[in-house]
């Protein structure tokens, strides 16, 4: 077991054992525990009562947080012709087709999200084993395969996030930075929580939301009242 640092232990001492905090209290406290020398990401963790071995109980989607996540994403776009020009005008960081496929096959992954026009899927399908495990494969369900390239780029630049249950039924997402105002973090938190609740699978039985925790990237978890 890794030894906890003095800084972490001091932050952990601020969290009362066994207590569940209101959202307002949790946001304020998690910022106090973010004592690293950089602007820490504030993370949202939720455990759901779903059986992820069944496809119909997996929870997955994407949304634009009201106040973004405090990070500008590097957006790669697979497009040609007018759509490529549209992508460049909309602020895409990288635009191309076969040239980008070859670059990625060579081990290049210096981007945060990939967007594609529908006609490009025929050439990027062979990147599935490279992009899929990294969560970078364009997906129509997440709005990253679309003819409306400008809108997709705008959403990504505005702070669109993806959420997806892991094998244990947990979802982990950023909701902002320590430097955010408390109200902005609270609104991002509430928007994400509401979205996940609305995404409850019809097949899920029993208690859906098991636990919710907020944490700074380098800090302890703060349990939130459900």
Protein backbone atom coordinates (compact mmCIF):
# COMPACT_ATOMS: atom_id res chain seq x y z
CA UNK A 1 0.00 0.00 0.00
CA UNK A 2 1.39 3.40 -0.99
CA UNK A 3 2.30 5.67 1.89
CA UNK A 4 0.07 8.73 2.17
CA UNK A 5 1.78 12.09 2.12
CA UNK A 6 1.60 14.55 4.99
CA UNK A 7 -0.34 16.91 2.71
CA UNK A 8 -2.93 14.22 1.92
CA UNK A 9 -3.34 13.24 5.57
CA UNK A 10 -3.91 16.89 6.51
CA UNK A 11 -6.56 17.20 3.79
CA UNK A 12 -8.20 13.94 4.85
CA UNK A 13 -8.45 15.21 8.43
CA UNK A 14 -10.83 17.91 7.17
CA UNK A 15 -13.37 15.26 6.13
CA UNK A 16 -15.42 13.98 9.06
CA UNK A 17 -15.54 10.18 9.08
CA UNK A 18 -19.02 8.75 8.49
CA UNK A 19 -20.57 12.09 7.57
CA UNK A 20 -22.45 12.77 4.35
CA UNK A 21 -22.33 16.39 3.24
CA UNK A 22 -24.88 18.48 1.37
CA UNK A 23 -23.84 19.44 -2.15
CA UNK A 24 -23.03 22.98 -1.01
CA UNK A 25 -20.95 21.71 1.92
CA UNK A 26 -19.18 19.12 -0.23
CA UNK A 27 -18.18 21.65 -2.90
CA UNK A 28 -16.78 24.05 -0.29
CA UNK A 29 -14.95 21.26 1.53
CA UNK A 30 -13.47 19.62 -1.55
CA UNK A 31 -11.93 22.95 -2.53
CA UNK A 32 -10.33 23.18 0.92
CA UNK A 33 -8.81 19.72 0.43
CA UNK A 34 -7.30 20.74 -2.94
CA UNK A 35 -3.96 21.79 -1.50
CA UNK A 36 -1.63 20.85 -4.38
CA UNK A 37 0.42 23.64 -5.97
CA UNK A 38 -1.58 23.56 -9.21
CA UNK A 39 -5.22 24.18 -10.14
CA UNK A 40 -6.58 20.75 -9.32
CA UNK A 41 -9.43 19.18 -11.25
CA UNK A 42 -12.54 18.55 -9.16
CA UNK A 43 -13.88 15.06 -9.83
CA UNK A 44 -17.37 13.56 -9.61
CA UNK A 45 -17.68 9.86 -8.72
CA UNK A 46 -20.99 7.99 -8.61
CA UNK A 47 -21.73 4.33 -7.95
CA UNK A 48 -24.87 2.99 -9.62
CA UNK A 49 -27.00 -0.04 -8.87
CA UNK A 50 -26.76 -1.51 -12.37
CA UNK A 51 -25.57 -4.85 -13.75
CA UNK A 52 -23.08 -3.70 -16.38
CA UNK A 53 -22.66 -7.24 -17.73
CA UNK A 54 -26.00 -6.62 -19.44
CA UNK A 55 -25.80 -4.16 -22.35
CA UNK A 56 -29.23 -2.72 -21.55
CA UNK A 57 -28.04 -1.65 -18.08
CA UNK A 58 -24.92 0.21 -19.15
CA UNK A 59 -25.16 3.96 -18.66
CA UNK A 60 -23.36 6.05 -21.26
CA UNK A 61 -23.76 9.45 -22.82
CA UNK A 62 -22.34 12.94 -23.25
CA UNK A 63 -23.31 16.43 -22.17
CA UNK A 64 -22.03 19.99 -22.08
CA UNK A 65 -21.56 21.18 -18.50
CA UNK A 66 -23.01 24.66 -17.81
CA UNK A 67 -19.56 26.09 -17.00
CA UNK A 68 -17.22 23.73 -18.85
CA UNK A 69 -14.37 21.89 -17.14
CA UNK A 70 -11.68 24.58 -17.18
CA UNK A 71 -9.71 22.92 -19.94
CA UNK A 72 -9.61 23.58 -23.68
CA UNK A 73 -9.75 20.29 -25.54
CA UNK A 74 -7.59 19.54 -28.58
CA UNK A 75 -10.11 18.49 -31.21
CA UNK A 76 -9.16 16.30 -34.16
CA UNK A 77 -11.57 16.12 -37.09
CA UNK A 78 -11.75 13.53 -39.83
CA UNK A 79 -13.25 15.35 -42.81
CA UNK A 80 -12.58 16.31 -46.43
CA UNK A 81 -13.64 19.08 -48.81
CA UNK A 82 -16.11 21.65 -47.54
CA UNK A 83 -16.49 19.86 -44.21
CA UNK A 84 -12.74 20.09 -43.64
CA UNK A 85 -12.88 23.84 -44.32
CA UNK A 86 -15.87 24.10 -41.96
CA UNK A 87 -13.90 22.28 -39.27
CA UNK A 88 -10.93 24.61 -39.61
CA UNK A 89 -13.19 27.66 -39.45
CA UNK A 90 -14.85 26.27 -36.30
CA UNK A 91 -11.51 25.99 -34.49
CA UNK A 92 -10.50 22.34 -34.91
CA UNK A 93 -6.90 21.73 -33.90
CA UNK A 94 -6.24 19.00 -36.48
CA UNK A 95 -8.14 18.27 -39.70
CA UNK A 96 -7.50 15.53 -42.24
CA UNK A 97 -8.38 12.04 -43.43
CA UNK A 98 -5.96 9.33 -44.58
CA UNK A 99 -3.01 11.41 -43.40
CA UNK A 100 -4.36 11.45 -39.84
CA UNK A 101 -5.14 7.73 -39.97
CA UNK A 102 -1.52 7.00 -40.90
CA UNK A 103 -0.24 9.35 -38.19
CA UNK A 104 -2.33 7.60 -35.53
CA UNK A 105 -1.26 4.18 -36.77
CA UNK A 106 2.27 5.43 -36.22
CA UNK A 107 1.57 6.04 -32.53
CA UNK A 108 0.47 9.69 -32.43
CA UNK A 109 -2.31 10.54 -29.97
CA UNK A 110 -1.77 14.22 -29.11
CA UNK A 111 -5.47 15.12 -29.08
CA UNK A 112 -8.32 14.89 -26.56
CA UNK A 113 -11.32 14.08 -28.74
CA UNK A 114 -11.91 12.88 -32.31
CA UNK A 115 -14.88 13.98 -34.42
CA UNK A 116 -15.80 12.65 -37.85
CA UNK A 117 -18.30 13.19 -40.62
CA UNK A 118 -20.32 10.01 -41.33
CA UNK A 119 -18.55 9.35 -44.65
CA UNK A 120 -15.18 9.20 -42.88
CA UNK A 121 -16.09 6.13 -40.82
CA UNK A 122 -15.16 3.93 -43.76
CA UNK A 123 -11.49 4.92 -43.37
CA UNK A 124 -11.24 5.28 -39.59
CA UNK A 125 -12.94 1.98 -38.81
CA UNK A 126 -9.53 0.35 -38.93
CA UNK A 127 -8.43 2.55 -36.02
CA UNK A 128 -10.88 0.92 -33.65
CA UNK A 129 -8.27 -1.11 -31.76
CA UNK A 130 -6.13 2.00 -31.30
CA UNK A 131 -8.78 4.62 -30.48
CA UNK A 132 -11.36 2.42 -28.75
CA UNK A 133 -9.34 1.51 -25.62
CA UNK A 134 -8.39 5.17 -25.20
CA UNK A 135 -11.99 6.35 -25.43
CA UNK A 136 -11.18 8.34 -28.58
CA UNK A 137 -13.20 6.49 -31.24
CA UNK A 138 -15.86 8.75 -32.82
CA UNK A 139 -19.36 7.58 -31.90
CA UNK A 140 -22.70 8.82 -33.27
CA UNK A 141 -24.38 8.22 -29.88
CA UNK A 142 -21.96 10.70 -28.31
CA UNK A 143 -22.35 13.28 -31.06
CA UNK A 144 -18.81 12.79 -32.39
CA UNK A 145 -19.96 11.31 -35.71
CA UNK A 146 -22.09 14.00 -37.28
CA UNK A 147 -22.54 16.08 -40.43
CA UNK A 148 -22.81 19.18 -38.19
CA UNK A 149 -19.08 19.51 -37.62
CA UNK A 150 -19.15 23.12 -36.41
CA UNK A 151 -21.67 22.30 -33.67
CA UNK A 152 -19.69 19.25 -32.53
CA UNK A 153 -16.46 21.25 -32.30
CA UNK A 154 -18.21 24.06 -30.46
CA UNK A 155 -19.61 21.65 -27.87
CA UNK A 156 -16.24 20.01 -27.31
CA UNK A 157 -14.50 23.35 -26.90
CA UNK A 158 -17.26 24.45 -24.49
CA UNK A 159 -16.52 21.53 -22.16
CA UNK A 160 -18.56 18.57 -23.36
CA UNK A 161 -17.85 15.49 -21.27
CA UNK A 162 -18.60 11.81 -21.74
CA UNK A 163 -19.83 9.58 -18.94
CA UNK A 164 -19.83 5.79 -18.91
CA UNK A 165 -20.16 3.08 -16.28
CA UNK A 166 -17.12 0.90 -15.69
CA UNK A 167 -17.38 -2.81 -14.90
CA UNK A 168 -18.25 -2.05 -11.27
CA UNK A 169 -21.04 0.37 -12.17
CA UNK A 170 -19.05 3.50 -11.35
CA UNK A 171 -18.85 6.72 -13.36
CA UNK A 172 -15.96 9.16 -12.98
CA UNK A 173 -16.06 12.64 -14.55
CA UNK A 174 -14.39 16.04 -14.11
CA UNK A 175 -16.74 18.88 -13.19
CA UNK A 176 -14.32 21.81 -13.11
CA UNK A 177 -11.27 23.22 -11.37
CA UNK A 178 -10.45 24.33 -7.84
CA UNK A 179 -10.34 27.92 -9.17
CA UNK A 180 -14.05 27.75 -10.14
CA UNK A 181 -16.54 29.64 -7.98
CA UNK A 182 -18.50 27.38 -5.62
CA UNK A 183 -21.74 28.14 -7.48
CA UNK A 184 -20.27 27.08 -10.84
CA UNK A 185 -19.00 23.80 -9.43
CA UNK A 186 -22.36 23.17 -7.76
CA UNK A 187 -24.24 23.84 -11.01
CA UNK A 188 -21.94 21.54 -12.97
CA UNK A 189 -22.33 18.86 -10.30
CA UNK A 190 -26.12 19.13 -10.29
CA UNK A 191 -26.39 19.13 -14.08
CA UNK A 192 -24.29 15.95 -14.36
CA UNK A 193 -26.14 14.21 -11.52
CA UNK A 194 -29.54 15.06 -13.04
CA UNK A 195 -28.41 13.80 -16.45
CA UNK A 196 -27.21 10.47 -15.04
CA UNK A 197 -30.43 10.05 -13.05
CA UNK A 198 -32.48 10.66 -16.20
CA UNK A 199 -30.36 8.03 -17.98
CA UNK A 200 -31.49 5.28 -15.58
CA UNK A 201 -31.95 2.08 -17.61
CA UNK A 202 -35.47 0.67 -17.55
CA UNK A 203 -34.00 -2.74 -16.68
CA UNK A 204 -32.22 -1.45 -13.54
CA UNK A 205 -33.87 -2.70 -10.34
CA UNK A 206 -33.58 -1.55 -6.74
CA UNK A 207 -31.64 1.50 -5.61
CA UNK A 208 -30.18 3.25 -8.65
CA UNK A 209 -27.80 5.78 -7.07
CA UNK A 210 -25.72 3.99 -4.45
CA UNK A 211 -23.24 6.73 -3.56
CA UNK A 212 -21.88 10.07 -4.76
CA UNK A 213 -18.45 11.44 -3.92
CA UNK A 214 -16.59 14.61 -4.85
CA UNK A 215 -12.80 14.80 -4.73
CA UNK A 216 -9.94 16.98 -5.81
CA UNK A 217 -7.54 15.19 -8.15
CA UNK A 218 -4.94 14.84 -5.40
CA UNK A 219 -7.28 14.89 -2.42
CA UNK A 220 -9.57 12.60 -0.38
CA UNK A 221 -13.17 11.81 -1.27
CA UNK A 222 -16.01 13.85 0.23
CA UNK A 223 -19.27 11.81 0.49
CA UNK A 224 -22.37 13.67 -0.69
CA UNK A 225 -25.89 13.14 0.60
CA UNK A 226 -28.06 11.29 -1.92
